[in-house]
Amino acid sequence: MKGLNRMKVEGGWFSFDTYQDAIKYYGDHFMATMSLKKCKVCKPYL
C-alpha cells in the first residue's frame, strides 16, 4: 500500500542519492503536512 518513489494510500518509500537530497525533498514537499521518519538501518553522512 506504499508507493515506491511516490505517495500512495499508506505513504511512500523514496530513494535519494544523498542524505542532503532527501532532507531537501522533504522540506520542499512534505514538511508542512508530514513528519520525517528516518531509516533505522541507514546512517546519514552529514
C-alpha atoms as a PDB file:
ATOM      1  CA  MET A   1       0.000   0.000   0.000  1.00  0.00           C
ATOM      2  CA  LYS A   2       3.076   2.278  -0.048  1.00  0.00           C
ATOM      3  CA  GLY A   3       4.413   3.701  -3.263  1.00  0.00           C
ATOM      4  CA  LEU A   4       7.985   3.404  -4.448  1.00  0.00           C
ATOM      5  CA  ASN A   5       9.276   6.941  -5.094  1.00  0.00           C
ATOM      6  CA  ARG A   6       5.688   8.223  -4.925  1.00  0.00           C
ATOM      7  CA  MET A   7       2.913   8.562  -2.367  1.00  0.00           C
ATOM      8  CA  LYS A   8       0.076   6.043  -2.215  1.00  0.00           C
ATOM      9  CA  VAL A   9      -2.678   5.270   0.293  1.00  0.00           C
ATOM     10  CA  GLU A  10      -0.351   4.486   3.219  1.00  0.00           C
ATOM     11  CA  GLY A  11       2.582   6.709   2.294  1.00  0.00           C
ATOM     12  CA  GLY A  12       5.634   6.030   0.221  1.00  0.00           C
ATOM     13  CA  TRP A  13       9.233   4.898   0.125  1.00  0.00           C
ATOM     14  CA  PHE A  14      11.616   7.357  -1.537  1.00  0.00           C
ATOM     15  CA  SER A  15      15.184   6.809  -2.734  1.00  0.00           C
ATOM     16  CA  PHE A  16      17.820   9.569  -2.916  1.00  0.00           C
ATOM     17  CA  ASP A  17      21.499   9.742  -3.841  1.00  0.00           C
ATOM     18  CA  THR A  18      22.429  11.693  -0.714  1.00  0.00           C
ATOM     19  CA  TYR A  19      21.004  12.372   2.720  1.00  0.00           C
ATOM     20  CA  GLN A  20      21.012  16.089   1.888  1.00  0.00           C
ATOM     21  CA  ASP A  21      18.874  15.441  -1.224  1.00  0.00           C
ATOM     22  CA  ALA A  22      16.341  13.590   0.928  1.00  0.00           C
ATOM     23  CA  ILE A  23      16.127  16.383   3.505  1.00  0.00           C
ATOM     24  CA  LYS A  24      15.693  18.999   0.766  1.00  0.00           C
ATOM     25  CA  TYR A  25      12.913  16.984  -0.922  1.00  0.00           C
ATOM     26  CA  TYR A  26      11.138  16.553   2.409  1.00  0.00           C
ATOM     27  CA  GLY A  27      11.424  20.280   3.137  1.00  0.00           C
ATOM     28  CA  ASP A  28      10.130  21.231  -0.316  1.00  0.00           C
ATOM     29  CA  HIS A  29       7.203  18.773  -0.417  1.00  0.00           C
ATOM     30  CA  PHE A  30       6.136  17.424   2.954  1.00  0.00           C
ATOM     31  CA  MET A  31       7.416  19.461   5.909  1.00  0.00           C
ATOM     32  CA  ALA A  32       4.130  21.313   6.428  1.00  0.00           C
ATOM     33  CA  THR A  33       1.970  18.188   6.403  1.00  0.00           C
ATOM     34  CA  MET A  34       4.061  15.148   7.422  1.00  0.00           C
ATOM     35  CA  SER A  35       6.727  14.190   9.903  1.00  0.00           C
ATOM     36  CA  LEU A  36      10.002  12.728   8.704  1.00  0.00           C
ATOM     37  CA  LYS A  37      10.720   9.154   9.768  1.00  0.00           C
ATOM     38  CA  LYS A  38      14.358   8.258   9.234  1.00  0.00           C
ATOM     39  CA  CYS A  39      15.532   4.784   8.295  1.00  0.00           C
ATOM     40  CA  LYS A  40      16.742   2.814  11.333  1.00  0.00           C
ATOM     41  CA  VAL A  41      19.377   0.982   9.274  1.00  0.00           C
ATOM     42  CA  CYS A  42      20.982   3.741   7.187  1.00  0.00           C
ATOM     43  CA  LYS A  43      23.426   6.112   8.820  1.00  0.00           C
ATOM     44  CA  PRO A  44      23.279   9.552   7.187  1.00  0.00           C
ATOM     45  CA  TYR A  45      26.512  11.301   6.342  1.00  0.00           C
ATOM     46  CA  LEU A  46      26.302  14.913   7.441  1.00  0.00           C
END
